[in-house]
Amino acid sequence: MKRKSPQRGMSAAVSVESRIDHVDVTDETITAHLTDGRVISVPLAWSWRLSDAAPEQRANWQLIGNGRGVHWPDVDEDIGADGMLHGVPAKRPGIVGISKPGPRKHSSRAGTSRTGRGRRTARRN
């Protein structure tokens, strides 16, 4: 019986989880050193909480999820390795103001609803 040998140029897909060993936070960057030797660096501005934090707060971090992420307890920030690899910067929440309702606009189609159908009215005899 003849055995087939694997074809050249083909490779098996291998799932590699990104796990963080340690992080460094400077005034410019957040750098994660992964357990497999890779280094990920993103701008500090990607985390508005860390951007606003004091250097002492940035230095106080702990690994979470067996190295899948980092938590900064002083500023309640969590960043994952996958988020750094594939994510987008965190948006700073906007200030929500109280809006007052304006005057109601009257439709030129009086007696119709938003769907364009007429309103149903009960007939009285």
PDB file of N, CA and C in Angstrom:
ATOM      1  N   MET A   1       0.837  -1.172   0.000  1.00  0.00           N
ATOM      2  CA  MET A   1       0.000   0.000   0.000  1.00  0.00           C
ATOM      3  C   MET A   1       0.882   1.235   0.000  1.00  0.00           C
ATOM      4  N   LYS A   2       0.573   2.184  -0.843  1.00  0.00           N
ATOM      5  CA  LYS A   2       1.363   3.396  -0.990  1.00  0.00           C
ATOM      6  C   LYS A   2       0.799   4.505  -0.105  1.00  0.00           C
ATOM      7  N   ARG A   3       1.633   5.173   0.629  1.00  0.00           N
ATOM      8  CA  ARG A   3       1.210   6.270   1.490  1.00  0.00           C
ATOM      9  C   ARG A   3       1.460   7.588   0.775  1.00  0.00           C
ATOM     10  N   LYS A   4       0.518   8.482   0.885  1.00  0.00           N
ATOM     11  CA  LYS A   4       0.682   9.799   0.284  1.00  0.00           C
ATOM     12  C   LYS A   4       1.505  10.674   1.213  1.00  0.00           C
ATOM     13  N   SER A   5       2.434  11.367   0.634  1.00  0.00           N
ATOM     14  CA  SER A   5       3.219  12.300   1.441  1.00  0.00           C
ATOM     15  C   SER A   5       2.554  13.667   1.381  1.00  0.00           C
ATOM     16  N   PRO A   6       2.724  14.466   2.421  1.00  0.00           N
ATOM     17  CA  PRO A   6       2.104  15.791   2.420  1.00  0.00           C
ATOM     18  C   PRO A   6       2.661  16.634   1.281  1.00  0.00           C
ATOM     19  N   GLN A   7       1.802  17.478   0.715  1.00  0.00           N
ATOM     20  CA  GLN A   7       2.230  18.349  -0.373  1.00  0.00           C
ATOM     21  C   GLN A   7       3.088  19.475   0.179  1.00  0.00           C
ATOM     22  N   ARG A   8       4.053  19.846  -0.632  1.00  0.00           N
ATOM     23  CA  ARG A   8       4.913  20.962  -0.217  1.00  0.00           C
ATOM     24  C   ARG A   8       4.136  22.268  -0.327  1.00  0.00           C
ATOM     25  N   GLY A   9       4.473  23.207   0.528  1.00  0.00           N
ATOM     26  CA  GLY A   9       3.845  24.518   0.488  1.00  0.00           C
ATOM     27  C   GLY A   9       2.549  24.605   1.275  1.00  0.00           C
ATOM     28  N   MET A  10       2.062  23.515   1.759  1.00  0.00           N
ATOM     29  CA  MET A  10       0.838  23.546   2.555  1.00  0.00           C
ATOM     30  C   MET A  10       1.207  23.548   4.030  1.00  0.00           C
ATOM     31  N   SER A  11       0.438  24.267   4.795  1.00  0.00           N
ATOM     32  CA  SER A  11       0.700  24.302   6.226  1.00  0.00           C
ATOM     33  C   SER A  11      -0.602  24.123   6.977  1.00  0.00           C
ATOM     34  N   ALA A  12      -0.502  23.621   8.150  1.00  0.00           N
ATOM     35  CA  ALA A  12      -1.675  23.440   8.999  1.00  0.00           C
ATOM     36  C   ALA A  12      -1.942  24.738   9.748  1.00  0.00           C
ATOM     37  N   ALA A  13      -3.213  25.043   9.914  1.00  0.00           N
ATOM     38  CA  ALA A  13      -3.576  26.233  10.677  1.00  0.00           C
ATOM     39  C   ALA A  13      -3.359  25.956  12.157  1.00  0.00           C
ATOM     40  N   VAL A  14      -2.681  26.852  12.807  1.00  0.00           N
ATOM     41  CA  VAL A  14      -2.408  26.703  14.225  1.00  0.00           C
ATOM     42  C   VAL A  14      -3.005  27.900  14.937  1.00  0.00           C
ATOM     43  N   SER A  15      -3.774  27.633  15.958  1.00  0.00           N
ATOM     44  CA  SER A  15      -4.374  28.704  16.739  1.00  0.00           C
ATOM     45  C   SER A  15      -3.409  29.101  17.848  1.00  0.00           C
ATOM     46  N   VAL A  16      -3.031  30.347  17.842  1.00  0.00           N
ATOM     47  CA  VAL A  16      -2.116  30.849  18.858  1.00  0.00           C
ATOM     48  C   VAL A  16      -2.841  31.936  19.642  1.00  0.00           C
ATOM     49  N   GLU A  17      -2.987  31.718  20.926  1.00  0.00           N
ATOM     50  CA  GLU A  17      -3.585  32.741  21.763  1.00  0.00           C
ATOM     51  C   GLU A  17      -2.517  33.728  22.176  1.00  0.00           C
ATOM     52  N   SER A  18      -2.868  34.986  22.111  1.00  0.00           N
ATOM     53  CA  SER A  18      -1.941  36.028  22.526  1.00  0.00           C
ATOM     54  C   SER A  18      -2.067  36.224  24.024  1.00  0.00           C
ATOM     55  N   ARG A  19      -0.978  35.962  24.736  1.00  0.00           N
ATOM     56  CA  ARG A  19      -0.972  36.135  26.189  1.00  0.00           C
ATOM     57  C   ARG A  19       0.110  37.126  26.576  1.00  0.00           C
ATOM     58  N   ILE A  20      -0.254  38.006  27.471  1.00  0.00           N
ATOM     59  CA  ILE A  20       0.646  39.074  27.900  1.00  0.00           C
ATOM     60  C   ILE A  20       1.497  38.602  29.072  1.00  0.00           C
ATOM     61  N   ASP A  21       2.783  38.903  29.002  1.00  0.00           N
ATOM     62  CA  ASP A  21       3.704  38.615  30.099  1.00  0.00           C
ATOM     63  C   ASP A  21       3.819  39.839  31.009  1.00  0.00           C
ATOM     64  N   HIS A  22       4.021  41.005  30.399  1.00  0.00           N
ATOM     65  CA  HIS A  22       4.073  42.255  31.154  1.00  0.00           C
ATOM     66  C   HIS A  22       3.827  43.425  30.217  1.00  0.00           C
ATOM     67  N   VAL A  23       3.545  44.589  30.810  1.00  0.00           N
ATOM     68  CA  VAL A  23       3.292  45.806  30.035  1.00  0.00           C
ATOM     69  C   VAL A  23       4.168  46.945  30.533  1.00  0.00           C
ATOM     70  N   ASP A  24       4.413  47.858  29.615  1.00  0.00           N
ATOM     71  CA  ASP A  24       5.091  49.120  29.939  1.00  0.00           C
ATOM     72  C   ASP A  24       4.202  50.241  29.405  1.00  0.00           C
ATOM     73  N   VAL A  25       3.993  51.261  30.221  1.00  0.00           N
ATOM     74  CA  VAL A  25       3.201  52.409  29.786  1.00  0.00           C
ATOM     75  C   VAL A  25       4.067  53.650  29.940  1.00  0.00           C
ATOM     76  N   THR A  26       4.255  54.348  28.825  1.00  0.00           N
ATOM     77  CA  THR A  26       5.007  55.599  28.841  1.00  0.00           C
ATOM     78  C   THR A  26       4.038  56.752  28.577  1.00  0.00           C
ATOM     79  N   ASP A  27       4.569  57.941  28.438  1.00  0.00           N
ATOM     80  CA  ASP A  27       3.733  59.093  28.104  1.00  0.00           C
ATOM     81  C   ASP A  27       3.231  59.030  26.667  1.00  0.00           C
ATOM     82  N   GLU A  28       3.758  58.108  25.880  1.00  0.00           N
ATOM     83  CA  GLU A  28       3.397  58.012  24.465  1.00  0.00           C
ATOM     84  C   GLU A  28       2.729  56.695  24.083  1.00  0.00           C
ATOM     85  N   THR A  29       3.116  55.586  24.729  1.00  0.00           N
ATOM     86  CA  THR A  29       2.660  54.276  24.266  1.00  0.00           C
ATOM     87  C   THR A  29       2.261  53.331  25.400  1.00  0.00           C
ATOM     88  N   ILE A  30       1.455  52.338  25.019  1.00  0.00           N
ATOM     89  CA  ILE A  30       1.155  51.180  25.856  1.00  0.00           C
ATOM     90  C   ILE A  30       1.817  50.017  25.123  1.00  0.00           C
ATOM     91  N   THR A  31       2.753  49.348  25.768  1.00  0.00           N
ATOM     92  CA  THR A  31       3.489  48.260  25.135  1.00  0.00           C
ATOM     93  C   THR A  31       3.270  46.975  25.919  1.00  0.00           C
ATOM     94  N   ALA A  32       2.771  45.958  25.213  1.00  0.00           N
ATOM     95  CA  ALA A  32       2.546  44.646  25.826  1.00  0.00           C
ATOM     96  C   ALA A  32       3.598  43.679  25.304  1.00  0.00           C
ATOM     97  N   HIS A  33       4.289  43.032  26.206  1.00  0.00           N
ATOM     98  CA  HIS A  33       5.273  42.004  25.868  1.00  0.00           C
ATOM     99  C   HIS A  33       4.577  40.659  26.032  1.00  0.00           C
ATOM    100  N   LEU A  34       4.428  39.934  24.927  1.00  0.00           N
ATOM    101  CA  LEU A  34       3.702  38.672  24.949  1.00  0.00           C
ATOM    102  C   LEU A  34       4.612  37.522  25.354  1.00  0.00           C
ATOM    103  N   THR A  35       3.999  36.453  25.823  1.00  0.00           N
ATOM    104  CA  THR A  35       4.765  35.303  26.303  1.00  0.00           C
ATOM    105  C   THR A  35       5.525  34.598  25.178  1.00  0.00           C
ATOM    106  N   ASP A  36       5.088  34.782  23.922  1.00  0.00           N
ATOM    107  CA  ASP A  36       5.776  34.133  22.802  1.00  0.00           C
ATOM    108  C   ASP A  36       6.881  35.004  22.206  1.00  0.00           C
ATOM    109  N   GLY A  37       7.163  36.154  22.845  1.00  0.00           N
ATOM    110  CA  GLY A  37       8.249  37.014  22.388  1.00  0.00           C
ATOM    111  C   GLY A  37       7.811  38.195  21.547  1.00  0.00           C
ATOM    112  N   ARG A  38       6.578  38.200  21.074  1.00  0.00           N
ATOM    113  CA  ARG A  38       6.097  39.353  20.307  1.00  0.00           C
ATOM    114  C   ARG A  38       5.887  40.544  21.224  1.00  0.00           C
ATOM    115  N   VAL A  39       5.962  41.728  20.623  1.00  0.00           N
ATOM    116  CA  VAL A  39       5.747  42.975  21.351  1.00  0.00           C
ATOM    117  C   VAL A  39       4.702  43.780  20.586  1.00  0.00           C
ATOM    118  N   ILE A  40       3.653  44.193  21.281  1.00  0.00           N
ATOM    119  CA  ILE A  40       2.591  45.006  20.693  1.00  0.00           C
ATOM    120  C   ILE A  40       2.665  46.382  21.326  1.00  0.00           C
ATOM    121  N   SER A  41       2.609  47.402  20.496  1.00  0.00           N
ATOM    122  CA  SER A  41       2.638  48.759  21.015  1.00  0.00           C
ATOM    123  C   SER A  41       1.548  49.577  20.340  1.00  0.00           C
ATOM    124  N   VAL A  42       0.766  50.280  21.143  1.00  0.00           N
ATOM    125  CA  VAL A  42      -0.283  51.162  20.628  1.00  0.00           C
ATOM    126  C   VAL A  42      -0.115  52.532  21.283  1.00  0.00           C
ATOM    127  N   PRO A  43      -0.624  53.572  20.640  1.00  0.00           N
ATOM    128  CA  PRO A  43      -0.532  54.907  21.243  1.00  0.00           C
ATOM    129  C   PRO A  43      -1.278  54.980  22.574  1.00  0.00           C
ATOM    130  N   LEU A  44      -0.727  55.703  23.512  1.00  0.00           N
ATOM    131  CA  LEU A  44      -1.378  55.887  24.809  1.00  0.00           C
ATOM    132  C   LEU A  44      -2.766  56.503  24.636  1.00  0.00           C
ATOM    133  N   ALA A  45      -2.930  57.322  23.618  1.00  0.00           N
ATOM    134  CA  ALA A  45      -4.216  57.977  23.369  1.00  0.00           C
ATOM    135  C   ALA A  45      -5.333  56.973  23.089  1.00  0.00           C
ATOM    136  N   TRP A  46      -5.000  55.717  22.782  1.00  0.00           N
ATOM    137  CA  TRP A  46      -6.028  54.696  22.575  1.00  0.00           C
ATOM    138  C   TRP A  46      -6.813  54.446  23.846  1.00  0.00           C
ATOM    139  N   SER A  47      -6.252  54.767  24.997  1.00  0.00           N
ATOM    140  CA  SER A  47      -6.949  54.606  26.270  1.00  0.00           C
ATOM    141  C   SER A  47      -7.021  55.965  26.954  1.00  0.00           C
ATOM    142  N   TRP A  48      -8.179  56.587  26.873  1.00  0.00           N
ATOM    143  CA  TRP A  48      -8.303  57.905  27.487  1.00  0.00           C
ATOM    144  C   TRP A  48      -8.148  57.832  28.996  1.00  0.00           C
ATOM    145  N   ARG A  49      -8.518  56.696  29.597  1.00  0.00           N
ATOM    146  CA  ARG A  49      -8.356  56.575  31.047  1.00  0.00           C
ATOM    147  C   ARG A  49      -6.879  56.564  31.432  1.00  0.00           C
ATOM    148  N   LEU A  50      -6.074  55.810  30.680  1.00  0.00           N
ATOM    149  CA  LEU A  50      -4.636  55.781  30.977  1.00  0.00           C
ATOM    150  C   LEU A  50      -3.965  57.091  30.579  1.00  0.00           C
ATOM    151  N   SER A  51      -4.469  57.741  29.534  1.00  0.00           N
ATOM    152  CA  SER A  51      -3.925  59.045  29.138  1.00  0.00           C
ATOM    153  C   SER A  51      -4.092  60.067  30.239  1.00  0.00           C
ATOM    154  N   ASP A  52      -5.235  60.001  30.922  1.00  0.00           N
ATOM    155  CA  ASP A  52      -5.524  60.952  32.006  1.00  0.00           C
ATOM    156  C   ASP A  52      -4.902  60.545  33.333  1.00  0.00           C
ATOM    157  N   ALA A  53      -4.381  59.322  33.422  1.00  0.00           N
ATOM    158  CA  ALA A  53      -3.871  58.801  34.695  1.00  0.00           C
ATOM    159  C   ALA A  53      -2.464  59.311  34.997  1.00  0.00           C
ATOM    160  N   ALA A  54      -2.135  59.328  36.277  1.00  0.00           N
ATOM    161  CA  ALA A  54      -0.782  59.674  36.726  1.00  0.00           C
ATOM    162  C   ALA A  54       0.151  58.492  36.438  1.00  0.00           C
ATOM    163  N   PRO A  55       1.447  58.746  36.291  1.00  0.00           N
ATOM    164  CA  PRO A  55       2.393  57.656  36.036  1.00  0.00           C
ATOM    165  C   PRO A  55       2.302  56.526  37.067  1.00  0.00           C
ATOM    166  N   GLU A  56       2.056  56.873  38.335  1.00  0.00           N
ATOM    167  CA  GLU A  56       1.939  55.851  39.375  1.00  0.00           C
ATOM    168  C   GLU A  56       0.721  54.948  39.120  1.00  0.00           C
ATOM    169  N   GLN A  57      -0.371  55.544  38.639  1.00  0.00           N
ATOM    170  CA  GLN A  57      -1.566  54.771  38.334  1.00  0.00           C
ATOM    171  C   GLN A  57      -1.333  53.865  37.124  1.00  0.00           C
ATOM    172  N   ARG A  58      -0.617  54.358  36.133  1.00  0.00           N
ATOM    173  CA  ARG A  58      -0.309  53.559  34.947  1.00  0.00           C
ATOM    174  C   ARG A  58       0.593  52.381  35.289  1.00  0.00           C
ATOM    175  N   ALA A  59       1.439  52.559  36.298  1.00  0.00           N
ATOM    176  CA  ALA A  59       2.380  51.506  36.688  1.00  0.00           C
ATOM    177  C   ALA A  59       1.711  50.421  37.537  1.00  0.00           C
ATOM    178  N   ASN A  60       0.525  50.688  38.054  1.00  0.00           N
ATOM    179  CA  ASN A  60      -0.186  49.730  38.895  1.00  0.00           C
ATOM    180  C   ASN A  60      -1.150  48.916  38.032  1.00  0.00           C
ATOM    181  N   TRP A  61      -0.663  47.795  37.519  1.00  0.00           N
ATOM    182  CA  TRP A  61      -1.480  46.941  36.653  1.00  0.00           C
ATOM    183  C   TRP A  61      -1.391  45.500  37.132  1.00  0.00           C
ATOM    184  N   GLN A  62      -2.331  44.694  36.680  1.00  0.00           N
ATOM    185  CA  GLN A  62      -2.312  43.265  36.986  1.00  0.00           C
ATOM    186  C   GLN A  62      -2.848  42.498  35.778  1.00  0.00           C
ATOM    187  N   LEU A  63      -2.274  41.320  35.557  1.00  0.00           N
ATOM    188  CA  LEU A  63      -2.735  40.473  34.463  1.00  0.00           C
ATOM    189  C   LEU A  63      -4.083  39.873  34.824  1.00  0.00           C
ATOM    190  N   ILE A  64      -4.951  39.755  33.838  1.00  0.00           N
ATOM    191  CA  ILE A  64      -6.251  39.124  34.039  1.00  0.00           C
ATOM    192  C   ILE A  64      -6.451  38.059  32.956  1.00  0.00           C
ATOM    193  N   GLY A  65      -7.323  37.113  33.233  1.00  0.00           N
ATOM    194  CA  GLY A  65      -7.630  36.079  32.255  1.00  0.00           C
ATOM    195  C   GLY A  65      -6.435  35.249  31.846  1.00  0.00           C
ATOM    196  N   ASN A  66      -5.579  34.908  32.799  1.00  0.00           N
ATOM    197  CA  ASN A  66      -4.388  34.112  32.524  1.00  0.00           C
ATOM    198  C   ASN A  66      -3.495  34.769  31.462  1.00  0.00           C
ATOM    199  N   GLY A  67      -3.418  36.105  31.517  1.00  0.00           N
ATOM    200  CA  GLY A  67      -2.558  36.836  30.594  1.00  0.00           C
ATOM    201  C   GLY A  67      -3.238  37.310  29.329  1.00  0.00           C
ATOM    202  N   ARG A  68      -4.520  37.067  29.207  1.00  0.00           N
ATOM    203  CA  ARG A  68      -5.234  37.527  28.004  1.00  0.00           C
ATOM    204  C   ARG A  68      -5.461  39.030  28.027  1.00  0.00           C
ATOM    205  N   GLY A  69      -5.338  39.644  29.200  1.00  0.00           N
ATOM    206  CA  GLY A  69      -5.563  41.077  29.318  1.00  0.00           C
ATOM    207  C   GLY A  69      -4.855  41.653  30.521  1.00  0.00           C
ATOM    208  N   VAL A  70      -4.972  42.968  30.634  1.00  0.00           N
ATOM    209  CA  VAL A  70      -4.365  43.716  31.731  1.00  0.00           C
ATOM    210  C   VAL A  70      -5.441  44.609  32.346  1.00  0.00           C
ATOM    211  N   HIS A  71      -5.416  44.712  33.669  1.00  0.00           N
ATOM    212  CA  HIS A  71      -6.356  45.568  34.394  1.00  0.00           C
ATOM    213  C   HIS A  71      -5.576  46.603  35.181  1.00  0.00           C
ATOM    214  N   TRP A  72      -6.013  47.850  35.092  1.00  0.00           N
ATOM    215  CA  TRP A  72      -5.451  48.944  35.892  1.00  0.00           C
ATOM    216  C   TRP A  72      -6.515  49.320  36.912  1.00  0.00           C
ATOM    217  N   PRO A  73      -6.399  48.838  38.170  1.00  0.00           N
ATOM    218  CA  PRO A  73      -7.458  49.058  39.163  1.00  0.00           C
ATOM    219  C   PRO A  73      -7.647  50.520  39.558  1.00  0.00           C
ATOM    220  N   ASP A  74      -6.591  51.311  39.520  1.00  0.00           N
ATOM    221  CA  ASP A  74      -6.717  52.713  39.936  1.00  0.00           C
ATOM    222  C   ASP A  74      -7.586  53.541  38.996  1.00  0.00           C
ATOM    223  N   VAL A  75      -7.664  53.118  37.735  1.00  0.00           N
ATOM    224  CA  VAL A  75      -8.447  53.882  36.756  1.00  0.00           C
ATOM    225  C   VAL A  75      -9.552  53.034  36.119  1.00  0.00           C
ATOM    226  N   ASP A  76      -9.730  51.804  36.621  1.00  0.00           N
ATOM    227  CA  ASP A  76     -10.762  50.883  36.133  1.00  0.00           C
ATOM    228  C   ASP A  76     -10.695  50.696  34.617  1.00  0.00           C
ATOM    229  N   GLU A  77      -9.515  50.344  34.135  1.00  0.00           N
ATOM    230  CA  GLU A  77      -9.292  50.128  32.702  1.00  0.00           C
ATOM    231  C   GLU A  77      -8.854  48.698  32.460  1.00  0.00           C
ATOM    232  N   ASP A  78      -9.409  48.076  31.436  1.00  0.00           N
ATOM    233  CA  ASP A  78      -9.031  46.732  31.012  1.00  0.00           C
ATOM    234  C   ASP A  78      -8.667  46.790  29.530  1.00  0.00           C
ATOM    235  N   ILE A  79      -7.545  46.196  29.175  1.00  0.00           N
ATOM    236  CA  ILE A  79      -7.129  46.111  27.778  1.00  0.00           C
ATOM    237  C   ILE A  79      -6.665  44.686  27.526  1.00  0.00           C
ATOM    238  N   GLY A  80      -7.161  44.098  26.442  1.00  0.00           N
ATOM    239  CA  GLY A  80      -6.791  42.739  26.084  1.00  0.00           C
ATOM    240  C   GLY A  80      -5.763  42.719  24.969  1.00  0.00           C
ATOM    241  N   ALA A  81      -5.008  41.630  24.901  1.00  0.00           N
ATOM    242  CA  ALA A  81      -4.008  41.483  23.838  1.00  0.00           C
ATOM    243  C   ALA A  81      -4.679  41.489  22.468  1.00  0.00           C
ATOM    244  N   ASP A  82      -5.784  40.769  22.337  1.00  0.00           N
ATOM    245  CA  ASP A  82      -6.485  40.745  21.058  1.00  0.00           C
ATOM    246  C   ASP A  82      -7.012  42.123  20.687  1.00  0.00           C
ATOM    247  N   GLY A  83      -7.470  42.865  21.667  1.00  0.00           N
ATOM    248  CA  GLY A  83      -7.934  44.225  21.405  1.00  0.00           C
ATOM    249  C   GLY A  83      -6.817  45.119  20.899  1.00  0.00           C
ATOM    250  N   MET A  84      -5.622  44.928  21.439  1.00  0.00           N
ATOM    251  CA  MET A  84      -4.481  45.712  20.967  1.00  0.00           C
ATOM    252  C   MET A  84      -4.088  45.305  19.550  1.00  0.00           C
ATOM    253  N   LEU A  85      -4.194  44.008  19.254  1.00  0.00           N
ATOM    254  CA  LEU A  85      -3.837  43.530  17.919  1.00  0.00           C
ATOM    255  C   LEU A  85      -4.862  43.910  16.863  1.00  0.00           C
ATOM    256  N   HIS A  86      -6.138  43.817  17.216  1.00  0.00           N
ATOM    257  CA  HIS A  86      -7.189  43.982  16.222  1.00  0.00           C
ATOM    258  C   HIS A  86      -8.173  45.093  16.518  1.00  0.00           C
ATOM    259  N   GLY A  87      -8.038  45.730  17.656  1.00  0.00           N
ATOM    260  CA  GLY A  87      -9.062  46.664  18.100  1.00  0.00           C
ATOM    261  C   GLY A  87      -8.906  48.069  17.571  1.00  0.00           C
ATOM    262  N   VAL A  88      -9.749  48.897  18.084  1.00  0.00           N
ATOM    263  CA  VAL A  88      -9.744  50.314  17.769  1.00  0.00           C
ATOM    264  C   VAL A  88      -9.653  51.083  19.079  1.00  0.00           C
ATOM    265  N   PRO A  89      -9.218  52.312  19.012  1.00  0.00           N
ATOM    266  CA  PRO A  89      -9.092  53.096  20.249  1.00  0.00           C
ATOM    267  C   PRO A  89     -10.424  53.236  20.971  1.00  0.00           C
ATOM    268  N   ALA A  90     -10.362  53.306  22.287  1.00  0.00           N
ATOM    269  CA  ALA A  90     -11.562  53.546  23.089  1.00  0.00           C
ATOM    270  C   ALA A  90     -11.987  54.991  22.906  1.00  0.00           C
ATOM    271  N   LYS A  91     -13.272  55.194  22.720  1.00  0.00           N
ATOM    272  CA  LYS A  91     -13.783  56.557  22.566  1.00  0.00           C
ATOM    273  C   LYS A  91     -14.129  57.125  23.933  1.00  0.00           C
ATOM    274  N   ARG A  92     -13.732  58.361  24.123  1.00  0.00           N
ATOM    275  CA  ARG A  92     -14.066  59.047  25.372  1.00  0.00           C
ATOM    276  C   ARG A  92     -15.560  59.343  25.342  1.00  0.00           C
ATOM    277  N   PRO A  93     -16.266  59.015  26.412  1.00  0.00           N
ATOM    278  CA  PRO A  93     -17.706  59.295  26.413  1.00  0.00           C
ATOM    279  C   PRO A  93     -17.958  60.793  26.345  1.00  0.00           C
ATOM    280  N   GLY A  94     -18.954  61.172  25.576  1.00  0.00           N
ATOM    281  CA  GLY A  94     -19.307  62.589  25.447  1.00  0.00           C
ATOM    282  C   GLY A  94     -20.116  63.053  26.631  1.00  0.00           C
ATOM    283  N   ILE A  95     -20.193  64.332  26.777  1.00  0.00           N
ATOM    284  CA  ILE A  95     -21.007  64.905  27.844  1.00  0.00           C
ATOM    285  C   ILE A  95     -22.423  64.963  27.334  1.00  0.00           C
ATOM    286  N   VAL A  96     -23.307  64.337  28.062  1.00  0.00           N
ATOM    287  CA  VAL A  96     -24.697  64.291  27.650  1.00  0.00           C
ATOM    288  C   VAL A  96     -25.407  65.484  28.250  1.00  0.00           C
ATOM    289  N   GLY A  97     -25.938  66.326  27.385  1.00  0.00           N
ATOM    290  CA  GLY A  97     -26.669  67.498  27.851  1.00  0.00           C
ATOM    291  C   GLY A  97     -28.156  67.221  27.860  1.00  0.00           C
ATOM    292  N   ILE A  98     -28.869  68.050  28.552  1.00  0.00           N
ATOM    293  CA  ILE A  98     -30.316  67.911  28.593  1.00  0.00           C
ATOM    294  C   ILE A  98     -30.877  68.703  27.435  1.00  0.00           C
ATOM    295  N   SER A  99     -31.565  68.017  26.582  1.00  0.00           N
ATOM    296  CA  SER A  99     -32.144  68.722  25.447  1.00  0.00           C
ATOM    297  C   SER A  99     -33.617  68.964  25.704  1.00  0.00           C
ATOM    298  N   LYS A 100     -34.044  70.155  25.359  1.00  0.00           N
ATOM    299  CA  LYS A 100     -35.445  70.493  25.535  1.00  0.00           C
ATOM    300  C   LYS A 100     -36.161  70.215  24.222  1.00  0.00           C
ATOM    301  N   PRO A 101     -37.344  69.660  24.317  1.00  0.00           N
ATOM    302  CA  PRO A 101     -38.059  69.399  23.076  1.00  0.00           C
ATOM    303  C   PRO A 101     -38.430  70.700  22.388  1.00  0.00           C
ATOM    304  N   GLY A 102     -38.246  70.719  21.084  1.00  0.00           N
ATOM    305  CA  GLY A 102     -38.586  71.901  20.303  1.00  0.00           C
ATOM    306  C   GLY A 102     -40.050  71.869  19.920  1.00  0.00           C
ATOM    307  N   PRO A 103     -40.494  72.895  19.190  1.00  0.00           N
ATOM    308  CA  PRO A 103     -41.897  72.905  18.767  1.00  0.00           C
ATOM    309  C   PRO A 103     -42.166  71.750  17.813  1.00  0.00           C
ATOM    310  N   ARG A 104     -43.354  71.191  17.897  1.00  0.00           N
ATOM    311  CA  ARG A 104     -43.727  70.089  17.027  1.00  0.00           C
ATOM    312  C   ARG A 104     -43.968  70.616  15.633  1.00  0.00           C
ATOM    313  N   LYS A 105     -43.455  69.895  14.691  1.00  0.00           N
ATOM    314  CA  LYS A 105     -43.689  70.252  13.301  1.00  0.00           C
ATOM    315  C   LYS A 105     -44.948  69.554  12.839  1.00  0.00           C
ATOM    316  N   HIS A 106     -45.753  70.257  12.114  1.00  0.00           N
ATOM    317  CA  HIS A 106     -46.978  69.673  11.595  1.00  0.00           C
ATOM    318  C   HIS A 106     -46.723  69.147  10.210  1.00  0.00           C
ATOM    319  N   SER A 107     -47.191  67.967   9.986  1.00  0.00           N
ATOM    320  CA  SER A 107     -47.025  67.331   8.688  1.00  0.00           C
ATOM    321  C   SER A 107     -47.983  67.947   7.688  1.00  0.00           C
ATOM    322  N   SER A 108     -47.532  68.024   6.453  1.00  0.00           N
ATOM    323  CA  SER A 108     -48.425  68.518   5.407  1.00  0.00           C
ATOM    324  C   SER A 108     -49.481  67.474   5.082  1.00  0.00           C
ATOM    325  N   ARG A 109     -49.270  66.275   5.584  1.00  0.00           N
ATOM    326  CA  ARG A 109     -50.236  65.200   5.371  1.00  0.00           C
ATOM    327  C   ARG A 109     -51.050  65.034   6.644  1.00  0.00           C
ATOM    328  N   ALA A 110     -51.865  65.988   6.951  1.00  0.00           N
ATOM    329  CA  ALA A 110     -52.666  65.941   8.174  1.00  0.00           C
ATOM    330  C   ALA A 110     -53.535  64.699   8.177  1.00  0.00           C
ATOM    331  N   GLY A 111     -53.620  64.084   9.316  1.00  0.00           N
ATOM    332  CA  GLY A 111     -54.454  62.906   9.455  1.00  0.00           C
ATOM    333  C   GLY A 111     -53.750  61.617   9.076  1.00  0.00           C
ATOM    334  N   THR A 112     -52.440  61.660   8.832  1.00  0.00           N
ATOM    335  CA  THR A 112     -51.713  60.438   8.509  1.00  0.00           C
ATOM    336  C   THR A 112     -50.674  60.169   9.576  1.00  0.00           C
ATOM    337  N   SER A 113     -50.341  58.925   9.712  1.00  0.00           N
ATOM    338  CA  SER A 113     -49.318  58.546  10.672  1.00  0.00           C
ATOM    339  C   SER A 113     -47.965  58.518   9.978  1.00  0.00           C
ATOM    340  N   ARG A 114     -46.931  58.145  10.698  1.00  0.00           N
ATOM    341  CA  ARG A 114     -45.593  58.065  10.112  1.00  0.00           C
ATOM    342  C   ARG A 114     -45.503  57.038   8.992  1.00  0.00           C
ATOM    343  N   THR A 115     -46.347  56.047   9.046  1.00  0.00           N
ATOM    344  CA  THR A 115     -46.302  55.013   8.015  1.00  0.00           C
ATOM    345  C   THR A 115     -47.019  55.447   6.755  1.00  0.00           C
ATOM    346  N   GLY A 116     -47.700  56.581   6.796  1.00  0.00           N
ATOM    347  CA  GLY A 116     -48.395  57.071   5.620  1.00  0.00           C
ATOM    348  C   GLY A 116     -49.839  56.607   5.550  1.00  0.00           C
ATOM    349  N   ARG A 117     -50.244  55.777   6.486  1.00  0.00           N
ATOM    350  CA  ARG A 117     -51.627  55.312   6.512  1.00  0.00           C
ATOM    351  C   ARG A 117     -52.465  56.303   7.304  1.00  0.00           C
ATOM    352  N   GLY A 118     -53.687  56.442   6.924  1.00  0.00           N
ATOM    353  CA  GLY A 118     -54.580  57.355   7.630  1.00  0.00           C
ATOM    354  C   GLY A 118     -54.869  56.876   9.035  1.00  0.00           C
ATOM    355  N   ARG A 119     -55.222  57.791   9.893  1.00  0.00           N
ATOM    356  CA  ARG A 119     -55.585  57.428  11.265  1.00  0.00           C
ATOM    357  C   ARG A 119     -56.967  56.795  11.254  1.00  0.00           C
ATOM    358  N   ARG A 120     -57.144  55.847  12.112  1.00  0.00           N
ATOM    359  CA  ARG A 120     -58.471  55.216  12.238  1.00  0.00           C
ATOM    360  C   ARG A 120     -59.261  55.973  13.299  1.00  0.00           C
ATOM    361  N   THR A 121     -60.442  56.340  12.936  1.00  0.00           N
ATOM    362  CA  THR A 121     -61.301  57.012  13.902  1.00  0.00           C
ATOM    363  C   THR A 121     -62.594  56.232  14.015  1.00  0.00           C
ATOM    364  N   ALA A 122     -63.147  56.262  15.175  1.00  0.00           N
ATOM    365  CA  ALA A 122     -64.418  55.566  15.399  1.00  0.00           C
ATOM    366  C   ALA A 122     -65.547  56.431  14.867  1.00  0.00           C
ATOM    367  N   ARG A 123     -66.458  55.806  14.154  1.00  0.00           N
ATOM    368  CA  ARG A 123     -67.620  56.530  13.652  1.00  0.00           C
ATOM    369  C   ARG A 123     -68.728  56.505  14.686  1.00  0.00           C
ATOM    370  N   ARG A 124     -69.346  57.619  14.821  1.00  0.00           N
ATOM    371  CA  ARG A 124     -70.517  57.688  15.733  1.00  0.00           C
ATOM    372  C   ARG A 124     -71.758  57.862  14.897  1.00  0.00           C
ATOM    373  N   ASN A 125     -72.772  57.165  15.259  1.00  0.00           N
ATOM    374  CA  ASN A 125     -74.040  57.310  14.549  1.00  0.00           C
ATOM    375  C   ASN A 125     -74.933  58.296  15.198  1.00  0.00           C
TER     376      ASN A 125
END
